[in-house]
ModelCIF file with pLDDT and N, C-alpha, C, O atoms, coordinates in Angstrom:
data_MODEL
#
_entry.id   MODEL 
#
_entity.id                         1 
_entity.type                       polymer 
_entity.pdbx_number_of_molecules   1 
#
_entity_poly.entity_id                      1 
_entity_poly.type                           'polypeptide(L)' 
_entity_poly.nstd_linkage                   no 
_entity_poly.nstd_monomer                   no 
_entity_poly.pdbx_seq_one_letter_code       ILFRQYHLNKREKEIVKLLLAGNSNKAIADSLHLTINTVKAYMK 
_entity_poly.pdbx_seq_one_letter_code_can   ILFRQYHLNKREKEIVKLLLAGNSNKAIADSLHLTINTVKAYMK 
_entity_poly.pdbx_strand_id                 A 
#
loop_
_entity_poly_seq.entity_id 
_entity_poly_seq.num 
_entity_poly_seq.mon_id 
_entity_poly_seq.hetero 
1 1  ILE n 
1 2  LEU n 
1 3  PHE n 
1 4  ARG n 
1 5  GLN n 
1 6  TYR n 
1 7  HIS n 
1 8  LEU n 
1 9  ASN n 
1 10 LYS n 
1 11 ARG n 
1 12 GLU n 
1 13 LYS n 
1 14 GLU n 
1 15 ILE n 
1 16 VAL n 
1 17 LYS n 
1 18 LEU n 
1 19 LEU n 
1 20 LEU n 
1 21 ALA n 
1 22 GLY n 
1 23 ASN n 
1 24 SER n 
1 25 ASN n 
1 26 LYS n 
1 27 ALA n 
1 28 ILE n 
1 29 ALA n 
1 30 ASP n 
1 31 SER n 
1 32 LEU n 
1 33 HIS n 
1 34 LEU n 
1 35 THR n 
1 36 ILE n 
1 37 ASN n 
1 38 THR n 
1 39 VAL n 
1 40 LYS n 
1 41 ALA n 
1 42 TYR n 
1 43 MET n 
1 44 LYS n 
#
_struct_asym.id          A 
_struct_asym.entity_id   1 
#
loop_
_ma_qa_metric.id 
_ma_qa_metric.mode 
_ma_qa_metric.name 
_ma_qa_metric.software_group_id 
_ma_qa_metric.type 
1 global pLDDT . pLDDT 
2 local  pLDDT . pLDDT 
#
_ma_qa_metric_global.metric_id      1 
_ma_qa_metric_global.metric_value   95.84 
_ma_qa_metric_global.model_id       1 
_ma_qa_metric_global.ordinal_id     1 
#
loop_
_ma_qa_metric_local.label_asym_id 
_ma_qa_metric_local.label_comp_id 
_ma_qa_metric_local.label_seq_id 
_ma_qa_metric_local.metric_id 
_ma_qa_metric_local.metric_value 
_ma_qa_metric_local.model_id 
_ma_qa_metric_local.ordinal_id 
A ILE 1  2 89.00 1 1  
A LEU 2  2 91.00 1 2  
A PHE 3  2 94.00 1 3  
A ARG 4  2 93.00 1 4  
A GLN 5  2 93.00 1 5  
A TYR 6  2 95.00 1 6  
A HIS 7  2 96.00 1 7  
A LEU 8  2 96.00 1 8  
A ASN 9  2 96.00 1 9  
A LYS 10 2 96.00 1 10 
A ARG 11 2 97.00 1 11 
A GLU 12 2 97.00 1 12 
A LYS 13 2 96.00 1 13 
A GLU 14 2 96.00 1 14 
A ILE 15 2 97.00 1 15 
A VAL 16 2 96.00 1 16 
A LYS 17 2 94.00 1 17 
A LEU 18 2 96.00 1 18 
A LEU 19 2 95.00 1 19 
A LEU 20 2 93.00 1 20 
A ALA 21 2 93.00 1 21 
A GLY 22 2 94.00 1 22 
A ASN 23 2 96.00 1 23 
A SER 24 2 96.00 1 24 
A ASN 25 2 96.00 1 25 
A LYS 26 2 97.00 1 26 
A ALA 27 2 98.00 1 27 
A ILE 28 2 97.00 1 28 
A ALA 29 2 98.00 1 29 
A ASP 30 2 98.00 1 30 
A SER 31 2 97.00 1 31 
A LEU 32 2 97.00 1 32 
A HIS 33 2 97.00 1 33 
A LEU 34 2 97.00 1 34 
A THR 35 2 97.00 1 35 
A ILE 36 2 97.00 1 36 
A ASN 37 2 98.00 1 37 
A THR 38 2 98.00 1 38 
A VAL 39 2 97.00 1 39 
A LYS 40 2 96.00 1 40 
A ALA 41 2 97.00 1 41 
A TYR 42 2 97.00 1 42 
A MET 43 2 97.00 1 43 
A LYS 44 2 96.00 1 44 
#
loop_
_atom_site.group_PDB 
_atom_site.id 
_atom_site.type_symbol 
_atom_site.label_atom_id 
_atom_site.label_alt_id 
_atom_site.label_comp_id 
_atom_site.label_asym_id 
_atom_site.label_entity_id 
_atom_site.label_seq_id 
_atom_site.pdbx_PDB_ins_code 
_atom_site.Cartn_x 
_atom_site.Cartn_y 
_atom_site.Cartn_z 
_atom_site.occupancy 
_atom_site.B_iso_or_equiv 
_atom_site.pdbx_formal_charge 
_atom_site.auth_seq_id 
_atom_site.auth_comp_id 
_atom_site.auth_asym_id 
_atom_site.auth_atom_id 
_atom_site.pdbx_PDB_model_num 
ATOM 1   N N  . ILE A 1 1  ? 34.543 -59.251 -70.933 1.00 89.00 ? 1  ILE A N  1 
ATOM 2   C CA . ILE A 1 1  ? 33.888 -60.150 -71.634 1.00 89.00 ? 1  ILE A CA 1 
ATOM 3   C C  . ILE A 1 1  ? 32.579 -60.995 -70.892 1.00 89.00 ? 1  ILE A C  1 
ATOM 4   O O  . ILE A 1 1  ? 31.377 -61.018 -71.155 1.00 89.00 ? 1  ILE A O  1 
ATOM 5   N N  . LEU A 1 2  ? 33.412 -61.681 -69.829 1.00 91.00 ? 2  LEU A N  1 
ATOM 6   C CA . LEU A 1 2  ? 32.618 -62.037 -68.826 1.00 91.00 ? 2  LEU A CA 1 
ATOM 7   C C  . LEU A 1 2  ? 31.523 -61.165 -68.066 1.00 91.00 ? 2  LEU A C  1 
ATOM 8   O O  . LEU A 1 2  ? 30.305 -61.286 -67.927 1.00 91.00 ? 2  LEU A O  1 
ATOM 9   N N  . PHE A 1 3  ? 32.389 -60.310 -67.668 1.00 94.00 ? 3  PHE A N  1 
ATOM 10  C CA . PHE A 1 3  ? 31.283 -59.622 -66.931 1.00 94.00 ? 3  PHE A CA 1 
ATOM 11  C C  . PHE A 1 3  ? 30.289 -58.848 -67.448 1.00 94.00 ? 3  PHE A C  1 
ATOM 12  O O  . PHE A 1 3  ? 29.482 -58.305 -66.695 1.00 94.00 ? 3  PHE A O  1 
ATOM 13  N N  . ARG A 1 4  ? 30.217 -58.673 -69.118 1.00 93.00 ? 4  ARG A N  1 
ATOM 14  C CA . ARG A 1 4  ? 29.072 -58.299 -69.584 1.00 93.00 ? 4  ARG A CA 1 
ATOM 15  C C  . ARG A 1 4  ? 28.269 -59.578 -70.012 1.00 93.00 ? 4  ARG A C  1 
ATOM 16  O O  . ARG A 1 4  ? 27.074 -59.577 -70.310 1.00 93.00 ? 4  ARG A O  1 
ATOM 17  N N  . GLN A 1 5  ? 29.022 -60.566 -69.999 1.00 93.00 ? 5  GLN A N  1 
ATOM 18  C CA . GLN A 1 5  ? 28.160 -61.659 -70.533 1.00 93.00 ? 5  GLN A CA 1 
ATOM 19  C C  . GLN A 1 5  ? 27.283 -62.133 -69.376 1.00 93.00 ? 5  GLN A C  1 
ATOM 20  O O  . GLN A 1 5  ? 26.247 -62.743 -69.642 1.00 93.00 ? 5  GLN A O  1 
ATOM 21  N N  . TYR A 1 6  ? 27.636 -61.888 -68.080 1.00 95.00 ? 6  TYR A N  1 
ATOM 22  C CA . TYR A 1 6  ? 26.726 -62.182 -66.900 1.00 95.00 ? 6  TYR A CA 1 
ATOM 23  C C  . TYR A 1 6  ? 26.036 -60.718 -66.126 1.00 95.00 ? 6  TYR A C  1 
ATOM 24  O O  . TYR A 1 6  ? 25.489 -60.696 -65.023 1.00 95.00 ? 6  TYR A O  1 
ATOM 25  N N  . HIS A 1 7  ? 26.192 -59.856 -66.811 1.00 96.00 ? 7  HIS A N  1 
ATOM 26  C CA . HIS A 1 7  ? 25.531 -58.472 -66.636 1.00 96.00 ? 7  HIS A CA 1 
ATOM 27  C C  . HIS A 1 7  ? 25.696 -57.978 -64.963 1.00 96.00 ? 7  HIS A C  1 
ATOM 28  O O  . HIS A 1 7  ? 24.914 -57.560 -64.109 1.00 96.00 ? 7  HIS A O  1 
ATOM 29  N N  . LEU A 1 8  ? 27.114 -58.269 -65.017 1.00 96.00 ? 8  LEU A N  1 
ATOM 30  C CA . LEU A 1 8  ? 27.547 -57.699 -63.732 1.00 96.00 ? 8  LEU A CA 1 
ATOM 31  C C  . LEU A 1 8  ? 27.667 -56.016 -63.697 1.00 96.00 ? 8  LEU A C  1 
ATOM 32  O O  . LEU A 1 8  ? 28.225 -55.333 -64.555 1.00 96.00 ? 8  LEU A O  1 
ATOM 33  N N  . ASN A 1 9  ? 27.091 -55.598 -62.649 1.00 96.00 ? 9  ASN A N  1 
ATOM 34  C CA . ASN A 1 9  ? 27.573 -54.016 -62.140 1.00 96.00 ? 9  ASN A CA 1 
ATOM 35  C C  . ASN A 1 9  ? 28.850 -54.079 -61.719 1.00 96.00 ? 9  ASN A C  1 
ATOM 36  O O  . ASN A 1 9  ? 29.531 -55.085 -61.522 1.00 96.00 ? 9  ASN A O  1 
ATOM 37  N N  . LYS A 1 10 ? 29.289 -52.319 -61.523 1.00 96.00 ? 10 LYS A N  1 
ATOM 38  C CA . LYS A 1 10 ? 30.159 -52.111 -61.205 1.00 96.00 ? 10 LYS A CA 1 
ATOM 39  C C  . LYS A 1 10 ? 30.977 -52.466 -59.745 1.00 96.00 ? 10 LYS A C  1 
ATOM 40  O O  . LYS A 1 10 ? 32.154 -52.702 -59.473 1.00 96.00 ? 10 LYS A O  1 
ATOM 41  N N  . ARG A 1 11 ? 29.848 -52.383 -59.041 1.00 97.00 ? 11 ARG A N  1 
ATOM 42  C CA . ARG A 1 11 ? 30.409 -53.155 -57.212 1.00 97.00 ? 11 ARG A CA 1 
ATOM 43  C C  . ARG A 1 11 ? 30.475 -54.588 -57.619 1.00 97.00 ? 11 ARG A C  1 
ATOM 44  O O  . ARG A 1 11 ? 31.641 -54.982 -57.606 1.00 97.00 ? 11 ARG A O  1 
ATOM 45  N N  . GLU A 1 12 ? 29.682 -55.426 -57.947 1.00 97.00 ? 12 GLU A N  1 
ATOM 46  C CA . GLU A 1 12 ? 29.750 -56.751 -58.523 1.00 97.00 ? 12 GLU A CA 1 
ATOM 47  C C  . GLU A 1 12 ? 31.294 -57.068 -59.472 1.00 97.00 ? 12 GLU A C  1 
ATOM 48  O O  . GLU A 1 12 ? 31.898 -58.106 -59.199 1.00 97.00 ? 12 GLU A O  1 
ATOM 49  N N  . LYS A 1 13 ? 31.690 -56.418 -60.232 1.00 96.00 ? 13 LYS A N  1 
ATOM 50  C CA . LYS A 1 13 ? 32.995 -56.254 -60.703 1.00 96.00 ? 13 LYS A CA 1 
ATOM 51  C C  . LYS A 1 13 ? 33.895 -56.336 -59.616 1.00 96.00 ? 13 LYS A C  1 
ATOM 52  O O  . LYS A 1 13 ? 34.451 -57.429 -59.505 1.00 96.00 ? 13 LYS A O  1 
ATOM 53  N N  . GLU A 1 14 ? 34.206 -55.407 -58.726 1.00 96.00 ? 14 GLU A N  1 
ATOM 54  C CA . GLU A 1 14 ? 34.944 -55.247 -57.736 1.00 96.00 ? 14 GLU A CA 1 
ATOM 55  C C  . GLU A 1 14 ? 35.059 -56.297 -56.990 1.00 96.00 ? 14 GLU A C  1 
ATOM 56  O O  . GLU A 1 14 ? 36.122 -56.828 -56.665 1.00 96.00 ? 14 GLU A O  1 
ATOM 57  N N  . ILE A 1 15 ? 33.623 -56.744 -56.594 1.00 97.00 ? 15 ILE A N  1 
ATOM 58  C CA . ILE A 1 15 ? 33.729 -57.843 -55.758 1.00 97.00 ? 15 ILE A CA 1 
ATOM 59  C C  . ILE A 1 15 ? 34.661 -59.053 -56.591 1.00 97.00 ? 15 ILE A C  1 
ATOM 60  O O  . ILE A 1 15 ? 35.792 -59.306 -56.175 1.00 97.00 ? 15 ILE A O  1 
ATOM 61  N N  . VAL A 1 16 ? 34.168 -59.687 -57.643 1.00 96.00 ? 16 VAL A N  1 
ATOM 62  C CA . VAL A 1 16 ? 34.700 -60.781 -58.339 1.00 96.00 ? 16 VAL A CA 1 
ATOM 63  C C  . VAL A 1 16 ? 36.471 -60.544 -58.324 1.00 96.00 ? 16 VAL A C  1 
ATOM 64  O O  . VAL A 1 16 ? 37.205 -61.439 -57.904 1.00 96.00 ? 16 VAL A O  1 
ATOM 65  N N  . LYS A 1 17 ? 36.984 -59.307 -58.807 1.00 94.00 ? 17 LYS A N  1 
ATOM 66  C CA . LYS A 1 17 ? 37.975 -58.964 -59.162 1.00 94.00 ? 17 LYS A CA 1 
ATOM 67  C C  . LYS A 1 17 ? 38.987 -59.146 -57.632 1.00 94.00 ? 17 LYS A C  1 
ATOM 68  O O  . LYS A 1 17 ? 40.161 -59.496 -57.753 1.00 94.00 ? 17 LYS A O  1 
ATOM 69  N N  . LEU A 1 18 ? 38.511 -58.925 -56.518 1.00 96.00 ? 18 LEU A N  1 
ATOM 70  C CA . LEU A 1 18 ? 39.015 -59.100 -55.404 1.00 96.00 ? 18 LEU A CA 1 
ATOM 71  C C  . LEU A 1 18 ? 38.687 -60.667 -54.886 1.00 96.00 ? 18 LEU A C  1 
ATOM 72  O O  . LEU A 1 18 ? 39.422 -61.127 -54.013 1.00 96.00 ? 18 LEU A O  1 
ATOM 73  N N  . LEU A 1 19 ? 37.821 -61.316 -55.303 1.00 95.00 ? 19 LEU A N  1 
ATOM 74  C CA . LEU A 1 19 ? 37.572 -62.907 -55.461 1.00 95.00 ? 19 LEU A CA 1 
ATOM 75  C C  . LEU A 1 19 ? 38.783 -63.349 -55.787 1.00 95.00 ? 19 LEU A C  1 
ATOM 76  O O  . LEU A 1 19 ? 39.598 -63.912 -55.056 1.00 95.00 ? 19 LEU A O  1 
ATOM 77  N N  . LEU A 1 20 ? 38.872 -63.058 -56.972 1.00 93.00 ? 20 LEU A N  1 
ATOM 78  C CA . LEU A 1 20 ? 39.929 -63.484 -57.806 1.00 93.00 ? 20 LEU A CA 1 
ATOM 79  C C  . LEU A 1 20 ? 41.603 -63.745 -57.260 1.00 93.00 ? 20 LEU A C  1 
ATOM 80  O O  . LEU A 1 20 ? 42.428 -64.654 -57.351 1.00 93.00 ? 20 LEU A O  1 
ATOM 81  N N  . ALA A 1 21 ? 41.540 -62.393 -56.663 1.00 93.00 ? 21 ALA A N  1 
ATOM 82  C CA . ALA A 1 21 ? 42.765 -61.864 -55.713 1.00 93.00 ? 21 ALA A CA 1 
ATOM 83  C C  . ALA A 1 21 ? 42.798 -62.842 -54.510 1.00 93.00 ? 21 ALA A C  1 
ATOM 84  O O  . ALA A 1 21 ? 43.825 -62.825 -53.832 1.00 93.00 ? 21 ALA A O  1 
ATOM 85  N N  . GLY A 1 22 ? 41.844 -63.659 -54.176 1.00 94.00 ? 22 GLY A N  1 
ATOM 86  C CA . GLY A 1 22 ? 42.044 -64.361 -52.970 1.00 94.00 ? 22 GLY A CA 1 
ATOM 87  C C  . GLY A 1 22 ? 41.450 -63.993 -51.960 1.00 94.00 ? 22 GLY A C  1 
ATOM 88  O O  . GLY A 1 22 ? 41.218 -64.888 -51.148 1.00 94.00 ? 22 GLY A O  1 
ATOM 89  N N  . ASN A 1 23 ? 40.975 -62.565 -51.606 1.00 96.00 ? 23 ASN A N  1 
ATOM 90  C CA . ASN A 1 23 ? 40.618 -61.922 -50.709 1.00 96.00 ? 23 ASN A CA 1 
ATOM 91  C C  . ASN A 1 23 ? 39.437 -62.896 -49.743 1.00 96.00 ? 23 ASN A C  1 
ATOM 92  O O  . ASN A 1 23 ? 38.628 -63.704 -50.198 1.00 96.00 ? 23 ASN A O  1 
ATOM 93  N N  . SER A 1 24 ? 39.606 -62.595 -48.594 1.00 96.00 ? 24 SER A N  1 
ATOM 94  C CA . SER A 1 24 ? 38.161 -63.413 -47.580 1.00 96.00 ? 24 SER A CA 1 
ATOM 95  C C  . SER A 1 24 ? 36.967 -62.098 -47.959 1.00 96.00 ? 24 SER A C  1 
ATOM 96  O O  . SER A 1 24 ? 37.127 -61.010 -48.512 1.00 96.00 ? 24 SER A O  1 
ATOM 97  N N  . ASN A 1 25 ? 35.850 -62.713 -47.431 1.00 96.00 ? 25 ASN A N  1 
ATOM 98  C CA . ASN A 1 25 ? 34.734 -61.794 -47.299 1.00 96.00 ? 25 ASN A CA 1 
ATOM 99  C C  . ASN A 1 25 ? 34.999 -60.209 -46.701 1.00 96.00 ? 25 ASN A C  1 
ATOM 100 O O  . ASN A 1 25 ? 34.700 -59.115 -47.179 1.00 96.00 ? 25 ASN A O  1 
ATOM 101 N N  . LYS A 1 26 ? 35.814 -60.658 -45.226 1.00 97.00 ? 26 LYS A N  1 
ATOM 102 C CA . LYS A 1 26 ? 36.260 -59.542 -44.046 1.00 97.00 ? 26 LYS A CA 1 
ATOM 103 C C  . LYS A 1 26 ? 37.033 -58.483 -45.305 1.00 97.00 ? 26 LYS A C  1 
ATOM 104 O O  . LYS A 1 26 ? 36.537 -57.422 -45.682 1.00 97.00 ? 26 LYS A O  1 
ATOM 105 N N  . ALA A 1 27 ? 38.208 -59.006 -45.765 1.00 98.00 ? 27 ALA A N  1 
ATOM 106 C CA . ALA A 1 27 ? 38.855 -58.290 -46.720 1.00 98.00 ? 27 ALA A CA 1 
ATOM 107 C C  . ALA A 1 27 ? 38.286 -57.431 -47.503 1.00 98.00 ? 27 ALA A C  1 
ATOM 108 O O  . ALA A 1 27 ? 38.669 -56.264 -47.582 1.00 98.00 ? 27 ALA A O  1 
ATOM 109 N N  . ILE A 1 28 ? 37.391 -57.874 -48.111 1.00 97.00 ? 28 ILE A N  1 
ATOM 110 C CA . ILE A 1 28 ? 36.550 -57.148 -49.466 1.00 97.00 ? 28 ILE A CA 1 
ATOM 111 C C  . ILE A 1 28 ? 35.575 -56.247 -48.699 1.00 97.00 ? 28 ILE A C  1 
ATOM 112 O O  . ILE A 1 28 ? 35.374 -55.117 -49.144 1.00 97.00 ? 28 ILE A O  1 
ATOM 113 N N  . ALA A 1 29 ? 35.078 -56.572 -47.808 1.00 98.00 ? 29 ALA A N  1 
ATOM 114 C CA . ALA A 1 29 ? 34.388 -55.521 -46.622 1.00 98.00 ? 29 ALA A CA 1 
ATOM 115 C C  . ALA A 1 29 ? 35.241 -54.133 -46.385 1.00 98.00 ? 29 ALA A C  1 
ATOM 116 O O  . ALA A 1 29 ? 34.833 -52.981 -46.532 1.00 98.00 ? 29 ALA A O  1 
ATOM 117 N N  . ASP A 1 30 ? 36.585 -54.593 -45.964 1.00 98.00 ? 30 ASP A N  1 
ATOM 118 C CA . ASP A 1 30 ? 37.130 -53.622 -45.331 1.00 98.00 ? 30 ASP A CA 1 
ATOM 119 C C  . ASP A 1 30 ? 37.518 -52.990 -46.634 1.00 98.00 ? 30 ASP A C  1 
ATOM 120 O O  . ASP A 1 30 ? 37.370 -51.768 -46.645 1.00 98.00 ? 30 ASP A O  1 
ATOM 121 N N  . SER A 1 31 ? 38.011 -53.568 -47.805 1.00 97.00 ? 31 SER A N  1 
ATOM 122 C CA . SER A 1 31 ? 38.677 -52.648 -48.944 1.00 97.00 ? 31 SER A CA 1 
ATOM 123 C C  . SER A 1 31 ? 37.486 -52.085 -49.585 1.00 97.00 ? 31 SER A C  1 
ATOM 124 O O  . SER A 1 31 ? 37.793 -50.907 -49.766 1.00 97.00 ? 31 SER A O  1 
ATOM 125 N N  . LEU A 1 32 ? 36.506 -52.234 -49.953 1.00 97.00 ? 32 LEU A N  1 
ATOM 126 C CA . LEU A 1 32 ? 35.369 -51.675 -50.429 1.00 97.00 ? 32 LEU A CA 1 
ATOM 127 C C  . LEU A 1 32 ? 34.302 -50.834 -49.506 1.00 97.00 ? 32 LEU A C  1 
ATOM 128 O O  . LEU A 1 32 ? 33.256 -50.460 -50.037 1.00 97.00 ? 32 LEU A O  1 
ATOM 129 N N  . HIS A 1 33 ? 34.552 -50.548 -48.179 1.00 97.00 ? 33 HIS A N  1 
ATOM 130 C CA . HIS A 1 33 ? 33.855 -49.957 -47.127 1.00 97.00 ? 33 HIS A CA 1 
ATOM 131 C C  . HIS A 1 33 ? 32.430 -50.438 -47.002 1.00 97.00 ? 33 HIS A C  1 
ATOM 132 O O  . HIS A 1 33 ? 31.455 -49.695 -47.113 1.00 97.00 ? 33 HIS A O  1 
ATOM 133 N N  . LEU A 1 34 ? 32.377 -51.741 -46.762 1.00 97.00 ? 34 LEU A N  1 
ATOM 134 C CA . LEU A 1 34 ? 31.296 -52.507 -46.772 1.00 97.00 ? 34 LEU A CA 1 
ATOM 135 C C  . LEU A 1 34 ? 31.171 -52.855 -45.348 1.00 97.00 ? 34 LEU A C  1 
ATOM 136 O O  . LEU A 1 34 ? 31.949 -52.582 -44.433 1.00 97.00 ? 34 LEU A O  1 
ATOM 137 N N  . THR A 1 35 ? 29.631 -53.755 -45.301 1.00 97.00 ? 35 THR A N  1 
ATOM 138 C CA . THR A 1 35 ? 29.701 -54.521 -43.946 1.00 97.00 ? 35 THR A CA 1 
ATOM 139 C C  . THR A 1 35 ? 29.862 -56.145 -44.481 1.00 97.00 ? 35 THR A C  1 
ATOM 140 O O  . THR A 1 35 ? 29.683 -56.406 -45.670 1.00 97.00 ? 35 THR A O  1 
ATOM 141 N N  . ILE A 1 36 ? 30.187 -57.112 -43.576 1.00 97.00 ? 36 ILE A N  1 
ATOM 142 C CA . ILE A 1 36 ? 30.296 -58.281 -44.224 1.00 97.00 ? 36 ILE A CA 1 
ATOM 143 C C  . ILE A 1 36 ? 28.968 -58.890 -44.847 1.00 97.00 ? 36 ILE A C  1 
ATOM 144 O O  . ILE A 1 36 ? 28.769 -59.456 -45.922 1.00 97.00 ? 36 ILE A O  1 
ATOM 145 N N  . ASN A 1 37 ? 27.969 -58.508 -43.578 1.00 98.00 ? 37 ASN A N  1 
ATOM 146 C CA . ASN A 1 37 ? 26.458 -59.048 -44.246 1.00 98.00 ? 37 ASN A CA 1 
ATOM 147 C C  . ASN A 1 37 ? 26.263 -58.563 -45.623 1.00 98.00 ? 37 ASN A C  1 
ATOM 148 O O  . ASN A 1 37 ? 25.519 -59.213 -46.357 1.00 98.00 ? 37 ASN A O  1 
ATOM 149 N N  . THR A 1 38 ? 26.830 -57.523 -46.053 1.00 98.00 ? 38 THR A N  1 
ATOM 150 C CA . THR A 1 38 ? 26.616 -56.644 -47.335 1.00 98.00 ? 38 THR A CA 1 
ATOM 151 C C  . THR A 1 38 ? 27.461 -57.843 -48.376 1.00 98.00 ? 38 THR A C  1 
ATOM 152 O O  . THR A 1 38 ? 26.877 -58.453 -49.271 1.00 98.00 ? 38 THR A O  1 
ATOM 153 N N  . VAL A 1 39 ? 28.559 -57.975 -48.128 1.00 97.00 ? 39 VAL A N  1 
ATOM 154 C CA . VAL A 1 39 ? 29.507 -58.556 -48.885 1.00 97.00 ? 39 VAL A CA 1 
ATOM 155 C C  . VAL A 1 39 ? 29.057 -60.264 -49.008 1.00 97.00 ? 39 VAL A C  1 
ATOM 156 O O  . VAL A 1 39 ? 29.480 -60.961 -49.931 1.00 97.00 ? 39 VAL A O  1 
ATOM 157 N N  . LYS A 1 40 ? 28.361 -60.668 -48.187 1.00 96.00 ? 40 LYS A N  1 
ATOM 158 C CA . LYS A 1 40 ? 27.617 -62.059 -48.445 1.00 96.00 ? 40 LYS A CA 1 
ATOM 159 C C  . LYS A 1 40 ? 26.118 -61.952 -49.148 1.00 96.00 ? 40 LYS A C  1 
ATOM 160 O O  . LYS A 1 40 ? 25.464 -62.872 -49.641 1.00 96.00 ? 40 LYS A O  1 
ATOM 161 N N  . ALA A 1 41 ? 25.795 -60.637 -49.051 1.00 97.00 ? 41 ALA A N  1 
ATOM 162 C CA . ALA A 1 41 ? 24.619 -60.908 -49.901 1.00 97.00 ? 41 ALA A CA 1 
ATOM 163 C C  . ALA A 1 41 ? 24.882 -60.509 -51.173 1.00 97.00 ? 41 ALA A C  1 
ATOM 164 O O  . ALA A 1 41 ? 23.989 -60.721 -51.993 1.00 97.00 ? 41 ALA A O  1 
ATOM 165 N N  . TYR A 1 42 ? 26.064 -59.889 -51.617 1.00 97.00 ? 42 TYR A N  1 
ATOM 166 C CA . TYR A 1 42 ? 26.709 -59.759 -53.098 1.00 97.00 ? 42 TYR A CA 1 
ATOM 167 C C  . TYR A 1 42 ? 26.972 -61.209 -53.428 1.00 97.00 ? 42 TYR A C  1 
ATOM 168 O O  . TYR A 1 42 ? 26.655 -61.651 -54.533 1.00 97.00 ? 42 TYR A O  1 
ATOM 169 N N  . MET A 1 43 ? 27.447 -61.839 -52.657 1.00 97.00 ? 43 MET A N  1 
ATOM 170 C CA . MET A 1 43 ? 28.181 -63.413 -53.054 1.00 97.00 ? 43 MET A CA 1 
ATOM 171 C C  . MET A 1 43 ? 26.866 -64.042 -53.610 1.00 97.00 ? 43 MET A C  1 
ATOM 172 O O  . MET A 1 43 ? 26.894 -64.472 -54.763 1.00 97.00 ? 43 MET A O  1 
ATOM 173 N N  . LYS A 1 44 ? 25.827 -64.120 -52.952 1.00 96.00 ? 44 LYS A N  1 
ATOM 174 C CA . LYS A 1 44 ? 24.233 -65.002 -53.080 1.00 96.00 ? 44 LYS A CA 1 
ATOM 175 C C  . LYS A 1 44 ? 23.819 -64.030 -54.428 1.00 96.00 ? 44 LYS A C  1 
ATOM 176 O O  . LYS A 1 44 ? 22.738 -64.189 -54.996 1.00 96.00 ? 44 LYS A O  1 
#
């Protein structure tokens, strides 16, 4: 419901779920095969 409310796309949803699990930017980047800078851009 919250994902729909904020109009989050699939990748943003994945990142939020990983954030809620307590993952760092590096852990998020590693698990989604992204660079840390890409994760930081998603955070912004």
